Protein backbone atom coordinates (compact mmCIF):
# COMPACT_ATOMS: atom_id res chain seq x y z
CA MET A 1 22.80 15.40 -145.45
CA SER A 2 21.00 16.14 -148.71
CA THR A 3 17.35 16.66 -148.80
CA HIS A 4 16.41 15.34 -152.22
CA TRP A 5 16.91 11.61 -152.94
CA LEU A 6 16.68 9.58 -155.79
CA ILE A 7 15.70 5.90 -154.75
CA THR A 8 16.64 3.51 -157.24
CA ASP A 9 15.12 0.71 -159.12
CA ILE A 10 16.19 -2.89 -159.50
CA TRP A 11 18.80 -1.77 -162.08
CA GLY A 12 20.96 0.34 -159.45
CA GLN A 13 22.97 3.19 -160.64
CA HIS A 14 24.21 2.76 -164.00
CA ALA A 15 25.32 5.31 -166.58
CA THR A 16 22.07 5.69 -168.70
CA LEU A 17 20.69 7.00 -165.59
CA ASP A 18 23.01 9.84 -165.10
CA PRO A 19 21.87 12.16 -167.45
CA PHE A 20 18.50 11.86 -165.68
CA ILE A 21 19.82 12.51 -162.48
CA GLN A 22 21.73 15.42 -164.13
CA ARG A 23 17.95 16.92 -165.39
CA LEU A 24 16.77 16.34 -161.73
CA SER A 25 18.93 19.51 -160.72
CA ALA A 26 16.50 21.59 -162.53
CA VAL A 27 14.55 21.07 -159.13
CA ALA A 28 17.39 21.13 -156.94
CA SER A 29 21.17 20.63 -156.77
CA ASP A 30 21.59 18.46 -153.94
CA TRP A 31 20.52 14.89 -155.20
CA ASN A 32 21.68 12.05 -153.62
CA VAL A 33 21.30 8.26 -154.84
CA LEU A 34 20.03 5.41 -152.88
CA ASP A 35 20.35 2.37 -154.62
CA PRO A 36 20.02 -1.47 -153.86
CA TYR A 37 24.02 -1.97 -154.41
CA SER A 38 25.64 0.76 -152.23
CA GLY A 39 26.48 2.71 -155.01
CA GLN A 40 28.23 -0.07 -157.29
CA ARG A 41 27.59 0.15 -160.53
CA PHE A 42 26.33 -2.54 -162.89
CA ALA A 43 25.28 -2.95 -166.33
CA PHE A 44 23.06 -6.10 -166.33
CA GLU A 45 22.23 -7.70 -169.54
CA ASN A 46 18.66 -7.56 -169.35
CA GLU A 47 15.76 -7.46 -166.48
CA SER A 48 15.81 -10.94 -165.99
CA GLN A 49 19.21 -10.90 -164.75
CA ALA A 50 18.78 -7.50 -162.67
CA TYR A 51 15.80 -9.05 -160.93
CA GLN A 52 17.71 -11.88 -159.91
CA TYR A 53 20.76 -9.97 -158.68
CA PHE A 54 18.66 -7.76 -156.65
CA LEU A 55 16.87 -10.79 -154.97
CA HIS A 56 20.17 -12.21 -154.36
CA ARG A 57 22.24 -9.02 -153.33
CA CYS A 58 19.84 -7.23 -151.76
CA SER A 59 16.36 -8.43 -151.65
CA LYS A 60 12.92 -6.57 -150.91
CA ALA A 61 13.09 -6.44 -147.14
CA THR A 62 16.67 -5.39 -146.91
CA TYR A 63 16.09 -2.46 -149.74
CA GLN A 64 13.13 -1.56 -147.37
CA GLN A 65 15.57 -1.02 -144.32
CA LYS A 66 17.82 0.80 -146.35
CA VAL A 67 15.11 3.47 -146.80
CA ARG A 68 13.96 3.25 -143.42
CA THR A 69 17.69 3.96 -142.40
CA LEU A 70 17.75 7.01 -144.73
CA LEU A 71 14.49 8.40 -143.29
CA GLU A 72 15.48 7.80 -139.95
CA GLN A 73 18.91 9.70 -140.23
CA ALA A 74 17.33 12.65 -142.15
CA GLU A 75 17.53 15.77 -140.09
CA ALA A 76 15.56 17.84 -142.61
CA PRO A 77 12.38 17.09 -144.46
CA LEU A 78 13.27 15.28 -147.25
CA THR A 79 11.83 14.79 -150.93
CA LEU A 80 11.76 11.61 -152.37
CA LEU A 81 11.69 10.35 -155.91
CA ALA A 82 11.54 6.32 -155.52
CA CYS A 83 11.10 4.27 -158.50
CA SER A 84 9.53 0.58 -159.03
CA ALA A 85 11.54 -1.50 -156.20
CA GLY A 86 12.34 1.94 -154.47
CA ALA A 87 8.82 2.89 -154.50
CA ASN A 88 7.53 -0.49 -153.50
CA ALA A 89 10.25 -0.27 -150.38
CA LEU A 90 8.96 3.39 -149.39
CA TRP A 91 5.51 2.93 -150.12
CA PRO A 92 4.58 1.17 -146.49
CA LEU A 93 6.86 3.79 -145.00
CA LEU A 94 4.75 6.64 -145.97
CA ASP A 95 1.95 5.68 -143.56
CA SER A 96 4.54 5.36 -140.44
CA PRO A 97 5.95 7.90 -138.07
CA LEU A 98 9.07 8.28 -140.29
CA ALA A 99 6.43 10.16 -143.00
CA ALA A 100 6.97 13.02 -140.83
CA LYS A 101 10.53 13.49 -142.04
CA ILE A 102 9.48 13.54 -145.87
CA LYS A 103 8.40 16.87 -147.63
CA LYS A 104 6.94 14.98 -150.66
CA ALA A 105 7.26 11.76 -151.92
CA VAL A 106 6.89 10.85 -155.73
CA LEU A 107 6.66 7.18 -156.69
CA VAL A 108 7.21 5.99 -159.92
CA TYR A 109 5.55 2.16 -161.10
CA GLY A 110 5.30 0.72 -157.61
CA THR A 111 3.71 -2.35 -158.34
CA ALA A 112 3.08 -2.87 -154.43
CA ILE A 113 0.96 0.23 -154.30
CA PRO A 114 -2.52 -1.00 -155.55
CA GLN A 115 -2.04 -4.15 -153.48
CA THR A 116 -1.28 -2.18 -150.29
CA PRO A 117 -4.01 0.13 -149.46
CA LEU A 118 -2.62 2.61 -146.62
CA THR A 119 -3.06 6.46 -145.91
CA PRO A 120 0.51 8.62 -146.52
CA GLN A 121 1.15 10.90 -144.08
CA CYS A 122 3.20 13.29 -146.31
CA GLU A 123 2.38 14.88 -149.58
CA THR A 124 2.60 12.02 -152.48
CA ALA A 125 2.02 11.65 -156.06
CA LEU A 126 2.17 8.76 -157.89
CA LEU A 127 2.77 7.84 -161.85
CA MET A 128 1.53 4.35 -162.53
CA CYS A 129 1.51 2.32 -165.66
CA ARG A 130 -2.11 1.00 -166.42
CA ASP A 131 -1.24 -2.37 -167.23
CA ASP A 132 0.56 -3.21 -163.97
CA GLU A 133 -1.78 -5.31 -161.73
CA GLY A 134 -4.31 -3.67 -159.73
CA VAL A 135 -3.88 -0.10 -161.17
CA ILE A 136 -7.26 0.20 -163.07
CA SER A 137 -9.38 -1.43 -160.54
CA GLN A 138 -7.73 0.78 -157.85
CA GLN A 139 -7.36 3.85 -159.67
CA ARG A 140 -10.10 5.48 -157.47
CA SER A 141 -8.27 4.58 -154.42
CA LEU A 142 -4.82 5.84 -155.83
CA GLU A 143 -6.28 9.12 -156.80
CA GLN A 144 -7.08 9.77 -152.97
CA TYR A 145 -3.39 9.99 -152.44
CA GLY A 146 -2.61 13.19 -154.18
CA PRO A 147 -1.65 13.85 -157.85
CA VAL A 148 -1.58 10.72 -160.14
CA LEU A 149 -0.38 10.07 -163.75
CA LEU A 150 -1.59 7.00 -165.42
CA SER A 151 0.31 5.97 -168.55
CA ASP A 152 -0.08 3.61 -171.16
CA ALA A 153 3.61 2.51 -171.70
CA PRO A 154 4.90 -0.36 -170.11
CA HIS A 155 6.46 -0.87 -166.57
CA GLY A 156 9.87 0.32 -167.01
CA PHE A 157 9.34 2.93 -169.58
CA LEU A 158 11.47 5.44 -168.04
CA ASN A 159 14.76 3.24 -167.85
CA ALA A 160 16.27 3.26 -171.04
CA ARG A 161 17.67 -0.25 -170.15
CA ALA A 162 14.44 -1.74 -169.24
CA PRO A 163 12.72 -3.71 -172.02
CA GLY A 164 9.74 -1.61 -171.89
CA TYR A 165 11.75 1.82 -172.34
CA ASN A 166 9.54 4.06 -174.52
CA ALA A 167 11.54 7.44 -175.03
CA GLU A 168 8.38 9.57 -176.03
CA ALA A 169 6.17 8.37 -173.00
CA ALA A 170 9.30 8.89 -170.84
CA ALA A 171 10.01 12.39 -171.50
CA GLN A 172 6.37 13.22 -171.37
CA ALA A 173 6.23 11.57 -167.82
CA GLU A 174 9.76 13.23 -166.63
CA THR A 175 8.25 16.61 -167.12
CA TRP A 176 5.20 15.56 -164.79
CA ILE A 177 7.75 14.08 -162.47
CA LEU A 178 9.70 17.53 -162.53
CA ASP A 179 6.44 19.41 -161.90
CA GLN A 180 5.94 17.56 -159.34
CA LEU A 181 9.12 17.39 -157.37
CA ARG A 182 9.30 21.35 -157.45
């Protein structure tokens, strides 16, 4: 089993994600992808369609169970990069015995993070969007978890398919993410 995993957002796997996955090879060559749709690729027309399909096809609870299963089956410590819905699914598991199977977790704009305080039991780094609910009011709490990058870009800014995509902010954030994963 790979020791490096990208846990995707509601968009799942898509052609515009492929170049990012290739750039992750600067950190390690063994990246695998866990997505809500078991590897089936979709080209959603917009964020609303992706979100509705996520709720219908997978659901938040089911996605968290997929992440839990990944951790339960892990034999070696994992390095995890989790984005949006993936970050939300992973977050509560960082304060569980399963966290012992995680070498490091980098979570990208998980909106549940500021609303669900916990104590991660593994090395953790957070990339958050200032405009996401609770991020500014919980900034000090978030900083206790480990390195935090607060972006002025809107939620989804790393994903070329998302309406908040911002190429400049994405490039800067990607550099920070890769540094955190090293």
